[in-house]
Amino acid sequence: MKKSKQKTTTIIVIMFAVVIAIVIGFWAILEQGRNKVKEDKLIHSKNEEVNTLLNKDLNIDYPSTPREVLKMYSRLQSCVYNQDLSDKDLSAIVGQMRILFDDELVAANSLEQQLEDLKKEIKEYQKAKRTISNYVIDKESSTTEKKLEGKEYATLEVSYLIQENRGYNKTYEQFILRKDEKDKWKILGWELVRSEDEKQE
């Protein structure tokens, strides 16, 4: 009887140990999965600015004014032309840009086509040793807003200082933005207004 009780106790202890091992193993697998999801969401780059922009959730923290939208766009654009991005980072940066675009602009430019065009432009920039040195966005007070067919539009100018070899060139681009159904300002399009030589070293 005593041996039977000891045997039963031993079996219970073994079963209990097995259950604990299964629970710990299951928990470890879940935790590993959670960490992988977190890691997949974060995109790592050698450049701090690139990391900051890639890991910013624009769907939650969207710029509130046309000027702030263009500031974010210009930061992304500077990364595209100034940094040596991997294909993965370039695609992610362009993905961030497209969140700032109006649906009409997104529909007119597929991601594949935009990436293809950008890669060609980047090669031209690198060949000419061209970089975006700085950009200046007009003050909020300079924003022109109007309503057309129930839609709100805004226009604002951005000047980009482009360095090429030892010279500088300044380009001025006028952007038009439109408010979407969620009251977010989205880039509808832009055009080159003028370009001028800034200085020669």
N, C-alpha and C. Protein backbone atom coordinates (compact mmCIF):
# COMPACT_ATOMS: atom_id res chain seq x y z
N MET A 1 0.84 -1.21 0.00
CA MET A 1 0.00 0.00 0.00
C MET A 1 0.86 1.24 0.00
N LYS A 2 1.93 1.16 0.83
CA LYS A 2 2.83 2.31 0.93
C LYS A 2 3.53 2.54 -0.41
N LYS A 3 3.96 1.41 -1.04
CA LYS A 3 4.64 1.52 -2.34
C LYS A 3 3.69 2.05 -3.40
N SER A 4 2.43 1.69 -3.32
CA SER A 4 1.42 2.14 -4.28
C SER A 4 1.21 3.65 -4.17
N LYS A 5 1.18 4.14 -2.90
CA LYS A 5 1.02 5.58 -2.68
C LYS A 5 2.23 6.35 -3.20
N GLN A 6 3.41 5.79 -2.96
CA GLN A 6 4.65 6.44 -3.43
C GLN A 6 4.67 6.49 -4.96
N LYS A 7 4.23 5.38 -5.58
CA LYS A 7 4.19 5.30 -7.04
C LYS A 7 3.23 6.34 -7.61
N THR A 8 2.05 6.47 -6.96
CA THR A 8 1.04 7.44 -7.40
C THR A 8 1.58 8.86 -7.25
N THR A 9 2.23 9.14 -6.14
CA THR A 9 2.82 10.48 -5.90
C THR A 9 3.88 10.78 -6.95
N THR A 10 4.70 9.79 -7.24
CA THR A 10 5.76 9.97 -8.25
C THR A 10 5.15 10.27 -9.61
N ILE A 11 4.11 9.54 -9.98
CA ILE A 11 3.43 9.76 -11.27
C ILE A 11 2.84 11.16 -11.33
N ILE A 12 2.22 11.59 -10.22
CA ILE A 12 1.61 12.93 -10.18
C ILE A 12 2.69 14.01 -10.34
N VAL A 13 3.82 13.82 -9.63
CA VAL A 13 4.93 14.79 -9.73
C VAL A 13 5.47 14.84 -11.15
N ILE A 14 5.62 13.67 -11.77
CA ILE A 14 6.14 13.62 -13.16
C ILE A 14 5.16 14.30 -14.12
N MET A 15 3.86 14.00 -13.93
CA MET A 15 2.84 14.61 -14.79
C MET A 15 2.81 16.12 -14.61
N PHE A 16 2.93 16.54 -13.37
CA PHE A 16 2.95 17.97 -13.06
C PHE A 16 4.15 18.65 -13.72
N ALA A 17 5.31 18.00 -13.66
CA ALA A 17 6.54 18.52 -14.27
C ALA A 17 6.39 18.61 -15.79
N VAL A 18 5.75 17.59 -16.37
CA VAL A 18 5.53 17.58 -17.82
C VAL A 18 4.60 18.72 -18.24
N VAL A 19 3.52 18.93 -17.46
CA VAL A 19 2.58 20.02 -17.76
C VAL A 19 3.28 21.37 -17.68
N ILE A 20 4.10 21.55 -16.62
CA ILE A 20 4.85 22.81 -16.47
C ILE A 20 5.79 23.01 -17.65
N ALA A 21 6.48 21.94 -18.07
CA ALA A 21 7.41 22.02 -19.20
C ALA A 21 6.67 22.41 -20.49
N ILE A 22 5.46 21.84 -20.68
CA ILE A 22 4.66 22.16 -21.87
C ILE A 22 4.23 23.63 -21.85
N VAL A 23 3.78 24.08 -20.66
CA VAL A 23 3.34 25.49 -20.52
C VAL A 23 4.50 26.44 -20.78
N ILE A 24 5.67 26.14 -20.20
CA ILE A 24 6.86 26.99 -20.40
C ILE A 24 7.27 26.99 -21.87
N GLY A 25 7.25 25.80 -22.49
CA GLY A 25 7.60 25.71 -23.92
C GLY A 25 6.65 26.50 -24.79
N PHE A 26 5.35 26.37 -24.50
CA PHE A 26 4.32 27.10 -25.25
C PHE A 26 4.50 28.61 -25.08
N TRP A 27 4.76 29.04 -23.84
CA TRP A 27 4.98 30.47 -23.55
C TRP A 27 6.21 31.00 -24.31
N ALA A 28 7.28 30.19 -24.32
CA ALA A 28 8.51 30.59 -25.02
C ALA A 28 8.27 30.77 -26.51
N ILE A 29 7.48 29.85 -27.10
CA ILE A 29 7.15 29.95 -28.53
C ILE A 29 6.35 31.21 -28.82
N LEU A 30 5.36 31.50 -27.96
CA LEU A 30 4.54 32.71 -28.12
C LEU A 30 5.38 33.97 -28.02
N GLU A 31 6.27 33.98 -27.01
CA GLU A 31 7.13 35.15 -26.78
C GLU A 31 8.07 35.38 -27.96
N GLN A 32 8.59 34.28 -28.50
CA GLN A 32 9.47 34.37 -29.67
C GLN A 32 8.72 34.95 -30.86
N GLY A 33 7.46 34.52 -31.02
CA GLY A 33 6.62 35.04 -32.10
C GLY A 33 6.35 36.52 -31.94
N ARG A 34 6.07 36.94 -30.68
CA ARG A 34 5.81 38.37 -30.42
C ARG A 34 7.04 39.21 -30.73
N ASN A 35 8.20 38.72 -30.30
CA ASN A 35 9.45 39.46 -30.56
C ASN A 35 9.73 39.57 -32.05
N LYS A 36 9.40 38.50 -32.80
CA LYS A 36 9.64 38.54 -34.25
C LYS A 36 8.73 39.56 -34.92
N VAL A 37 7.46 39.62 -34.46
CA VAL A 37 6.52 40.61 -35.01
C VAL A 37 7.03 42.02 -34.74
N LYS A 38 7.49 42.25 -33.49
CA LYS A 38 8.02 43.58 -33.13
C LYS A 38 9.22 43.91 -34.00
N GLU A 39 10.09 42.92 -34.20
CA GLU A 39 11.30 43.14 -34.99
C GLU A 39 10.95 43.42 -36.45
N ASP A 40 9.94 42.70 -36.96
CA ASP A 40 9.52 42.89 -38.35
C ASP A 40 8.95 44.29 -38.57
N LYS A 41 8.27 44.82 -37.55
CA LYS A 41 7.66 46.15 -37.67
C LYS A 41 8.71 47.24 -37.72
N LEU A 42 9.83 47.03 -37.01
CA LEU A 42 10.90 48.03 -37.00
C LEU A 42 11.85 47.77 -38.16
N ILE A 43 12.13 48.83 -38.89
CA ILE A 43 13.06 48.71 -40.01
C ILE A 43 14.37 49.34 -39.59
N HIS A 44 15.45 48.60 -39.72
CA HIS A 44 16.73 49.09 -39.23
C HIS A 44 17.60 49.60 -40.38
N SER A 45 18.22 50.73 -40.16
CA SER A 45 19.13 51.31 -41.13
C SER A 45 20.32 51.88 -40.37
N LYS A 46 21.42 52.10 -41.08
CA LYS A 46 22.60 52.67 -40.43
C LYS A 46 22.39 54.15 -40.13
N ASN A 47 21.47 54.80 -40.84
CA ASN A 47 21.25 56.23 -40.69
C ASN A 47 20.10 56.51 -39.73
N GLU A 48 20.35 57.37 -38.74
CA GLU A 48 19.35 57.66 -37.71
C GLU A 48 18.11 58.33 -38.29
N GLU A 49 18.29 59.28 -39.22
CA GLU A 49 17.15 59.97 -39.83
C GLU A 49 16.28 58.99 -40.62
N VAL A 50 16.92 58.08 -41.34
CA VAL A 50 16.18 57.07 -42.10
C VAL A 50 15.37 56.20 -41.14
N ASN A 51 16.00 55.76 -40.06
CA ASN A 51 15.30 54.96 -39.05
C ASN A 51 14.10 55.70 -38.48
N THR A 52 14.30 56.97 -38.14
CA THR A 52 13.23 57.78 -37.55
C THR A 52 12.04 57.85 -38.50
N LEU A 53 12.32 58.10 -39.77
CA LEU A 53 11.24 58.26 -40.76
C LEU A 53 10.55 56.93 -41.08
N LEU A 54 11.34 55.87 -41.15
CA LEU A 54 10.76 54.57 -41.49
C LEU A 54 9.88 54.02 -40.36
N ASN A 55 10.23 54.33 -39.14
CA ASN A 55 9.49 53.78 -38.00
C ASN A 55 8.39 54.71 -37.50
N LYS A 56 8.16 55.81 -38.22
CA LYS A 56 7.08 56.72 -37.85
C LYS A 56 5.77 56.20 -38.44
N ASP A 57 4.76 56.04 -37.60
CA ASP A 57 3.47 55.54 -38.07
C ASP A 57 2.61 56.72 -38.52
N LEU A 58 2.66 57.01 -39.82
CA LEU A 58 1.93 58.16 -40.37
C LEU A 58 0.42 57.94 -40.38
N ASN A 59 -0.01 56.71 -40.28
CA ASN A 59 -1.45 56.46 -40.21
C ASN A 59 -2.04 56.92 -38.88
N ILE A 60 -1.19 56.92 -37.84
CA ILE A 60 -1.64 57.37 -36.52
C ILE A 60 -1.21 58.82 -36.27
N ASP A 61 0.07 59.10 -36.51
CA ASP A 61 0.63 60.43 -36.25
C ASP A 61 0.80 61.19 -37.57
N TYR A 62 -0.32 61.62 -38.16
CA TYR A 62 -0.27 62.27 -39.47
C TYR A 62 -0.08 63.78 -39.30
N PRO A 63 0.74 64.41 -40.18
CA PRO A 63 0.94 65.87 -40.09
C PRO A 63 -0.39 66.63 -40.18
N SER A 64 -0.53 67.67 -39.37
CA SER A 64 -1.83 68.34 -39.24
C SER A 64 -2.08 69.49 -40.21
N THR A 65 -1.03 70.03 -40.82
CA THR A 65 -1.20 71.18 -41.73
C THR A 65 -0.50 70.91 -43.06
N PRO A 66 -0.85 71.66 -44.12
CA PRO A 66 -0.15 71.49 -45.40
C PRO A 66 1.37 71.65 -45.26
N ARG A 67 1.80 72.61 -44.46
CA ARG A 67 3.23 72.86 -44.27
C ARG A 67 3.91 71.66 -43.62
N GLU A 68 3.26 71.06 -42.61
CA GLU A 68 3.83 69.90 -41.93
C GLU A 68 3.88 68.68 -42.85
N VAL A 69 2.88 68.57 -43.73
CA VAL A 69 2.88 67.48 -44.71
C VAL A 69 4.09 67.62 -45.64
N LEU A 70 4.32 68.84 -46.11
CA LEU A 70 5.45 69.09 -47.03
C LEU A 70 6.80 68.97 -46.33
N LYS A 71 6.82 69.29 -45.06
CA LYS A 71 8.05 69.11 -44.28
C LYS A 71 8.40 67.63 -44.21
N MET A 72 7.40 66.79 -43.92
CA MET A 72 7.63 65.34 -43.86
C MET A 72 8.03 64.80 -45.23
N TYR A 73 7.34 65.26 -46.27
CA TYR A 73 7.65 64.83 -47.64
C TYR A 73 9.10 65.19 -48.01
N SER A 74 9.51 66.42 -47.66
CA SER A 74 10.85 66.87 -48.00
C SER A 74 11.93 66.11 -47.23
N ARG A 75 11.63 65.74 -46.01
CA ARG A 75 12.57 64.91 -45.23
C ARG A 75 12.73 63.55 -45.91
N LEU A 76 11.61 62.97 -46.32
CA LEU A 76 11.65 61.67 -47.00
C LEU A 76 12.41 61.77 -48.32
N GLN A 77 12.15 62.84 -49.06
CA GLN A 77 12.80 63.03 -50.35
C GLN A 77 14.31 63.23 -50.19
N SER A 78 14.70 63.95 -49.16
CA SER A 78 16.14 64.14 -48.89
C SER A 78 16.82 62.81 -48.63
N CYS A 79 16.14 61.92 -47.91
CA CYS A 79 16.70 60.58 -47.66
C CYS A 79 16.87 59.81 -48.96
N VAL A 80 15.87 59.91 -49.83
CA VAL A 80 15.91 59.19 -51.11
C VAL A 80 17.14 59.58 -51.92
N TYR A 81 17.40 60.89 -52.02
CA TYR A 81 18.47 61.36 -52.90
C TYR A 81 19.83 61.50 -52.21
N ASN A 82 19.83 61.58 -50.88
CA ASN A 82 21.11 61.82 -50.18
C ASN A 82 21.70 60.57 -49.54
N GLN A 83 20.89 59.56 -49.29
CA GLN A 83 21.37 58.37 -48.60
C GLN A 83 21.54 57.20 -49.57
N ASP A 84 22.47 56.35 -49.24
CA ASP A 84 22.69 55.13 -50.04
C ASP A 84 21.77 54.05 -49.47
N LEU A 85 20.54 54.03 -49.95
CA LEU A 85 19.51 53.14 -49.39
C LEU A 85 19.51 51.77 -50.05
N SER A 86 19.23 50.77 -49.25
CA SER A 86 19.01 49.43 -49.81
C SER A 86 17.65 49.45 -50.52
N ASP A 87 17.40 48.47 -51.35
CA ASP A 87 16.12 48.38 -52.06
C ASP A 87 14.96 48.31 -51.06
N LYS A 88 15.19 47.59 -49.95
CA LYS A 88 14.16 47.43 -48.93
C LYS A 88 13.83 48.78 -48.28
N ASP A 89 14.88 49.54 -47.92
CA ASP A 89 14.67 50.85 -47.28
C ASP A 89 14.05 51.85 -48.26
N LEU A 90 14.50 51.81 -49.51
CA LEU A 90 13.94 52.71 -50.52
C LEU A 90 12.45 52.44 -50.70
N SER A 91 12.09 51.17 -50.80
CA SER A 91 10.69 50.80 -50.95
C SER A 91 9.87 51.26 -49.74
N ALA A 92 10.45 51.14 -48.54
CA ALA A 92 9.75 51.56 -47.33
C ALA A 92 9.60 53.08 -47.27
N ILE A 93 10.64 53.81 -47.69
CA ILE A 93 10.58 55.28 -47.71
C ILE A 93 9.50 55.73 -48.70
N VAL A 94 9.47 55.11 -49.86
CA VAL A 94 8.46 55.45 -50.87
C VAL A 94 7.06 55.13 -50.34
N GLY A 95 6.96 54.04 -49.59
CA GLY A 95 5.69 53.69 -48.97
C GLY A 95 5.21 54.78 -48.02
N GLN A 96 6.14 55.36 -47.27
CA GLN A 96 5.81 56.47 -46.37
C GLN A 96 5.37 57.70 -47.18
N MET A 97 6.07 57.96 -48.27
CA MET A 97 5.71 59.08 -49.15
C MET A 97 4.27 58.94 -49.65
N ARG A 98 3.95 57.72 -50.05
CA ARG A 98 2.64 57.48 -50.67
C ARG A 98 1.48 57.65 -49.69
N ILE A 99 1.77 57.53 -48.40
CA ILE A 99 0.74 57.81 -47.39
C ILE A 99 0.37 59.30 -47.43
N LEU A 100 1.35 60.13 -47.82
CA LEU A 100 1.12 61.58 -47.91
C LEU A 100 0.41 61.98 -49.19
N PHE A 101 0.30 61.05 -50.14
CA PHE A 101 -0.29 61.35 -51.45
C PHE A 101 -1.81 61.20 -51.43
N ASP A 102 -2.46 62.05 -52.21
CA ASP A 102 -3.90 61.95 -52.46
C ASP A 102 -4.18 60.64 -53.22
N ASP A 103 -5.34 60.06 -52.98
CA ASP A 103 -5.70 58.80 -53.66
C ASP A 103 -5.59 58.89 -55.17
N GLU A 104 -5.92 60.07 -55.70
CA GLU A 104 -5.85 60.28 -57.16
C GLU A 104 -4.41 60.17 -57.66
N LEU A 105 -3.47 60.73 -56.88
CA LEU A 105 -2.06 60.67 -57.25
C LEU A 105 -1.52 59.24 -57.11
N VAL A 106 -1.95 58.56 -56.06
CA VAL A 106 -1.53 57.16 -55.86
C VAL A 106 -2.02 56.28 -57.01
N ALA A 107 -3.28 56.50 -57.42
CA ALA A 107 -3.86 55.70 -58.51
C ALA A 107 -3.14 55.94 -59.83
N ALA A 108 -2.65 57.16 -60.02
CA ALA A 108 -1.99 57.52 -61.29
C ALA A 108 -0.54 57.03 -61.34
N ASN A 109 0.03 56.66 -60.18
CA ASN A 109 1.43 56.22 -60.12
C ASN A 109 1.53 54.95 -59.29
N SER A 110 1.74 53.83 -59.96
CA SER A 110 1.88 52.58 -59.21
C SER A 110 3.19 52.59 -58.42
N LEU A 111 3.24 51.82 -57.35
CA LEU A 111 4.45 51.74 -56.53
C LEU A 111 5.63 51.26 -57.37
N GLU A 112 5.40 50.27 -58.21
CA GLU A 112 6.47 49.70 -59.05
C GLU A 112 7.04 50.75 -59.99
N GLN A 113 6.15 51.53 -60.63
CA GLN A 113 6.59 52.56 -61.57
C GLN A 113 7.34 53.67 -60.84
N GLN A 114 6.82 54.07 -59.68
CA GLN A 114 7.47 55.13 -58.91
C GLN A 114 8.87 54.71 -58.48
N LEU A 115 9.01 53.46 -58.04
CA LEU A 115 10.33 52.96 -57.63
C LEU A 115 11.29 52.90 -58.81
N GLU A 116 10.78 52.45 -59.94
CA GLU A 116 11.61 52.37 -61.15
C GLU A 116 12.10 53.76 -61.57
N ASP A 117 11.19 54.74 -61.57
CA ASP A 117 11.57 56.10 -61.95
C ASP A 117 12.56 56.71 -60.95
N LEU A 118 12.32 56.45 -59.67
CA LEU A 118 13.20 56.99 -58.64
C LEU A 118 14.62 56.42 -58.75
N LYS A 119 14.71 55.13 -59.01
CA LYS A 119 16.03 54.50 -59.12
C LYS A 119 16.84 55.13 -60.26
N LYS A 120 16.16 55.47 -61.35
CA LYS A 120 16.84 56.14 -62.47
C LYS A 120 17.32 57.52 -62.05
N GLU A 121 16.45 58.27 -61.36
CA GLU A 121 16.80 59.61 -60.89
C GLU A 121 17.94 59.57 -59.88
N ILE A 122 17.91 58.58 -59.00
CA ILE A 122 18.97 58.45 -57.98
C ILE A 122 20.31 58.21 -58.66
N LYS A 123 20.31 57.36 -59.71
CA LYS A 123 21.56 57.11 -60.44
C LYS A 123 22.09 58.39 -61.09
N GLU A 124 21.17 59.20 -61.63
CA GLU A 124 21.56 60.47 -62.23
C GLU A 124 22.15 61.40 -61.17
N TYR A 125 21.51 61.45 -60.00
CA TYR A 125 22.01 62.28 -58.90
C TYR A 125 23.41 61.83 -58.48
N GLN A 126 23.58 60.52 -58.33
CA GLN A 126 24.88 59.99 -57.90
C GLN A 126 25.96 60.25 -58.95
N LYS A 127 25.60 60.09 -60.21
CA LYS A 127 26.56 60.32 -61.30
C LYS A 127 27.01 61.78 -61.34
N ALA A 128 26.06 62.70 -61.09
CA ALA A 128 26.36 64.13 -61.11
C ALA A 128 26.85 64.64 -59.76
N LYS A 129 26.99 63.73 -58.79
CA LYS A 129 27.37 64.09 -57.42
C LYS A 129 26.45 65.20 -56.89
N ARG A 130 25.17 64.95 -57.04
CA ARG A 130 24.14 65.94 -56.68
C ARG A 130 23.45 65.51 -55.39
N THR A 131 23.23 66.46 -54.50
CA THR A 131 22.50 66.18 -53.25
C THR A 131 21.57 67.35 -52.92
N ILE A 132 20.56 67.07 -52.10
CA ILE A 132 19.69 68.14 -51.59
C ILE A 132 20.34 68.68 -50.32
N SER A 133 20.89 69.88 -50.41
CA SER A 133 21.59 70.47 -49.26
C SER A 133 20.63 70.99 -48.21
N ASN A 134 19.53 71.56 -48.68
CA ASN A 134 18.58 72.17 -47.75
C ASN A 134 17.24 72.38 -48.47
N TYR A 135 16.22 72.63 -47.69
CA TYR A 135 14.92 72.99 -48.27
C TYR A 135 14.23 73.98 -47.34
N VAL A 136 13.47 74.86 -47.95
CA VAL A 136 12.74 75.87 -47.17
C VAL A 136 11.28 75.83 -47.62
N ILE A 137 10.40 75.66 -46.65
CA ILE A 137 8.97 75.63 -46.94
C ILE A 137 8.36 76.97 -46.54
N ASP A 138 7.54 77.53 -47.42
CA ASP A 138 6.90 78.81 -47.10
C ASP A 138 6.19 78.73 -45.75
N LYS A 139 6.08 79.87 -45.11
CA LYS A 139 5.38 79.93 -43.82
C LYS A 139 3.91 79.56 -44.01
N GLU A 140 3.32 79.12 -42.90
CA GLU A 140 1.90 78.72 -42.93
C GLU A 140 1.02 79.86 -43.45
N SER A 141 1.42 81.09 -43.14
CA SER A 141 0.64 82.26 -43.56
C SER A 141 0.65 82.44 -45.07
N SER A 142 1.64 81.81 -45.74
CA SER A 142 1.74 81.92 -47.21
C SER A 142 0.86 80.89 -47.92
N THR A 143 0.26 79.99 -47.16
CA THR A 143 -0.60 78.96 -47.76
C THR A 143 -1.85 79.59 -48.36
N THR A 144 -2.11 79.26 -49.62
CA THR A 144 -3.33 79.73 -50.28
C THR A 144 -4.35 78.60 -50.24
N GLU A 145 -5.48 78.84 -49.62
CA GLU A 145 -6.53 77.82 -49.52
C GLU A 145 -7.78 78.25 -50.29
N LYS A 146 -8.43 77.28 -50.91
CA LYS A 146 -9.69 77.57 -51.61
C LYS A 146 -10.57 76.33 -51.61
N LYS A 147 -11.85 76.54 -51.83
CA LYS A 147 -12.80 75.45 -51.87
C LYS A 147 -13.35 75.34 -53.29
N LEU A 148 -13.37 74.12 -53.81
CA LEU A 148 -13.85 73.89 -55.17
C LEU A 148 -14.66 72.60 -55.20
N GLU A 149 -15.91 72.74 -55.61
CA GLU A 149 -16.83 71.60 -55.69
C GLU A 149 -16.86 70.80 -54.38
N GLY A 150 -16.90 71.52 -53.27
CA GLY A 150 -17.01 70.90 -51.96
C GLY A 150 -15.71 70.36 -51.39
N LYS A 151 -14.60 70.47 -52.14
CA LYS A 151 -13.30 69.99 -51.68
C LYS A 151 -12.40 71.18 -51.30
N GLU A 152 -11.59 70.98 -50.26
CA GLU A 152 -10.66 72.02 -49.82
C GLU A 152 -9.27 71.77 -50.41
N TYR A 153 -8.71 72.82 -51.01
CA TYR A 153 -7.38 72.75 -51.62
C TYR A 153 -6.45 73.77 -50.96
N ALA A 154 -5.15 73.47 -51.01
CA ALA A 154 -4.14 74.40 -50.50
C ALA A 154 -2.92 74.35 -51.40
N THR A 155 -2.30 75.51 -51.65
CA THR A 155 -1.06 75.55 -52.42
C THR A 155 0.03 76.20 -51.58
N LEU A 156 1.23 75.67 -51.71
CA LEU A 156 2.37 76.14 -50.92
C LEU A 156 3.64 75.87 -51.71
N GLU A 157 4.62 76.75 -51.55
CA GLU A 157 5.86 76.62 -52.31
C GLU A 157 7.00 76.12 -51.43
N VAL A 158 7.82 75.26 -52.01
CA VAL A 158 9.01 74.74 -51.33
C VAL A 158 10.22 75.01 -52.22
N SER A 159 11.28 75.55 -51.62
CA SER A 159 12.52 75.75 -52.38
C SER A 159 13.55 74.72 -51.92
N TYR A 160 14.22 74.09 -52.88
CA TYR A 160 15.24 73.08 -52.59
C TYR A 160 16.60 73.60 -53.07
N LEU A 161 17.58 73.54 -52.18
CA LEU A 161 18.94 73.93 -52.53
C LEU A 161 19.69 72.66 -52.93
N ILE A 162 20.04 72.57 -54.21
CA ILE A 162 20.70 71.38 -54.75
C ILE A 162 22.18 71.66 -54.95
N GLN A 163 23.01 70.81 -54.35
CA GLN A 163 24.46 70.94 -54.55
C GLN A 163 24.89 69.96 -55.63
N GLU A 164 25.66 70.46 -56.57
CA GLU A 164 26.17 69.61 -57.64
C GLU A 164 27.63 69.96 -57.87
N ASN A 165 28.53 68.99 -57.60
CA ASN A 165 29.96 69.26 -57.61
C ASN A 165 30.25 70.44 -56.69
N ARG A 166 30.73 71.57 -57.23
CA ARG A 166 31.03 72.72 -56.37
C ARG A 166 29.97 73.81 -56.47
N GLY A 167 28.99 73.60 -57.31
CA GLY A 167 27.98 74.64 -57.51
C GLY A 167 26.67 74.32 -56.79
N TYR A 168 25.83 75.33 -56.72
CA TYR A 168 24.52 75.19 -56.10
C TYR A 168 23.44 75.67 -57.06
N ASN A 169 22.32 75.02 -57.02
CA ASN A 169 21.18 75.43 -57.81
C ASN A 169 19.95 75.40 -56.92
N LYS A 170 19.12 76.41 -57.03
CA LYS A 170 17.92 76.46 -56.21
C LYS A 170 16.70 76.24 -57.10
N THR A 171 15.87 75.30 -56.72
CA THR A 171 14.64 75.05 -57.47
C THR A 171 13.44 75.36 -56.58
N TYR A 172 12.40 75.88 -57.20
CA TYR A 172 11.18 76.23 -56.47
C TYR A 172 10.04 75.39 -57.02
N GLU A 173 9.38 74.66 -56.14
CA GLU A 173 8.29 73.80 -56.55
C GLU A 173 7.01 74.21 -55.81
N GLN A 174 5.93 74.30 -56.57
CA GLN A 174 4.64 74.64 -55.97
C GLN A 174 3.81 73.36 -55.83
N PHE A 175 3.38 73.10 -54.60
CA PHE A 175 2.59 71.90 -54.30
C PHE A 175 1.13 72.27 -54.14
N ILE A 176 0.28 71.36 -54.58
CA ILE A 176 -1.15 71.51 -54.33
C ILE A 176 -1.60 70.32 -53.49
N LEU A 177 -2.30 70.62 -52.41
CA LEU A 177 -2.78 69.59 -51.50
C LEU A 177 -4.30 69.64 -51.43
N ARG A 178 -4.89 68.50 -51.09
CA ARG A 178 -6.35 68.44 -50.98
C ARG A 178 -6.71 67.66 -49.72
N LYS A 179 -7.73 68.14 -49.04
CA LYS A 179 -8.20 67.45 -47.83
C LYS A 179 -9.02 66.23 -48.23
N ASP A 180 -8.73 65.11 -47.57
CA ASP A 180 -9.52 63.91 -47.85
C ASP A 180 -10.72 63.82 -46.91
N GLU A 181 -11.43 62.71 -46.98
CA GLU A 181 -12.65 62.56 -46.19
C GLU A 181 -12.38 62.47 -44.69
N LYS A 182 -11.10 62.24 -44.32
CA LYS A 182 -10.73 62.19 -42.89
C LYS A 182 -10.09 63.50 -42.44
N ASP A 183 -10.25 64.56 -43.26
CA ASP A 183 -9.70 65.88 -42.96
C ASP A 183 -8.17 65.91 -42.91
N LYS A 184 -7.54 65.01 -43.66
CA LYS A 184 -6.08 65.00 -43.74
C LYS A 184 -5.65 65.66 -45.04
N TRP A 185 -4.66 66.54 -44.96
CA TRP A 185 -4.13 67.18 -46.17
C TRP A 185 -3.23 66.20 -46.90
N LYS A 186 -3.55 65.95 -48.17
CA LYS A 186 -2.79 65.01 -48.99
C LYS A 186 -2.24 65.72 -50.23
N ILE A 187 -1.05 65.32 -50.64
CA ILE A 187 -0.41 65.93 -51.82
C ILE A 187 -1.10 65.43 -53.09
N LEU A 188 -1.63 66.38 -53.84
CA LEU A 188 -2.32 66.04 -55.09
C LEU A 188 -1.36 66.12 -56.28
N GLY A 189 -0.38 67.03 -56.19
CA GLY A 189 0.60 67.19 -57.27
C GLY A 189 1.52 68.36 -57.00
N TRP A 190 2.48 68.54 -57.89
CA TRP A 190 3.42 69.67 -57.77
C TRP A 190 4.01 69.97 -59.14
N GLU A 191 4.57 71.17 -59.24
CA GLU A 191 5.23 71.56 -60.50
C GLU A 191 6.42 72.46 -60.20
N LEU A 192 7.41 72.40 -61.10
CA LEU A 192 8.57 73.27 -60.97
C LEU A 192 8.16 74.67 -61.38
N VAL A 193 8.34 75.62 -60.47
CA VAL A 193 7.96 77.01 -60.75
C VAL A 193 9.11 77.74 -61.43
N ARG A 194 10.28 77.62 -60.83
CA ARG A 194 11.48 78.24 -61.43
C ARG A 194 12.73 77.61 -60.85
N SER A 195 13.84 77.87 -61.50
CA SER A 195 15.13 77.35 -61.05
C SER A 195 16.17 78.43 -61.28
N GLU A 196 17.12 78.53 -60.35
CA GLU A 196 18.17 79.56 -60.52
C GLU A 196 19.47 79.09 -59.88
N ASP A 197 20.59 79.57 -60.43
CA ASP A 197 21.90 79.28 -59.83
C ASP A 197 22.02 80.11 -58.57
N GLU A 198 22.42 79.45 -57.50
CA GLU A 198 22.55 80.13 -56.20
C GLU A 198 23.93 80.76 -56.07
N LYS A 199 24.98 79.93 -56.24
CA LYS A 199 26.34 80.45 -56.17
C LYS A 199 27.30 79.41 -56.70
N GLN A 200 28.51 79.82 -56.93
CA GLN A 200 29.56 78.90 -57.32
C GLN A 200 30.69 79.05 -56.32
N GLU A 201 31.27 77.95 -55.89
CA GLU A 201 32.39 78.03 -54.95
C GLU A 201 33.69 78.29 -55.70
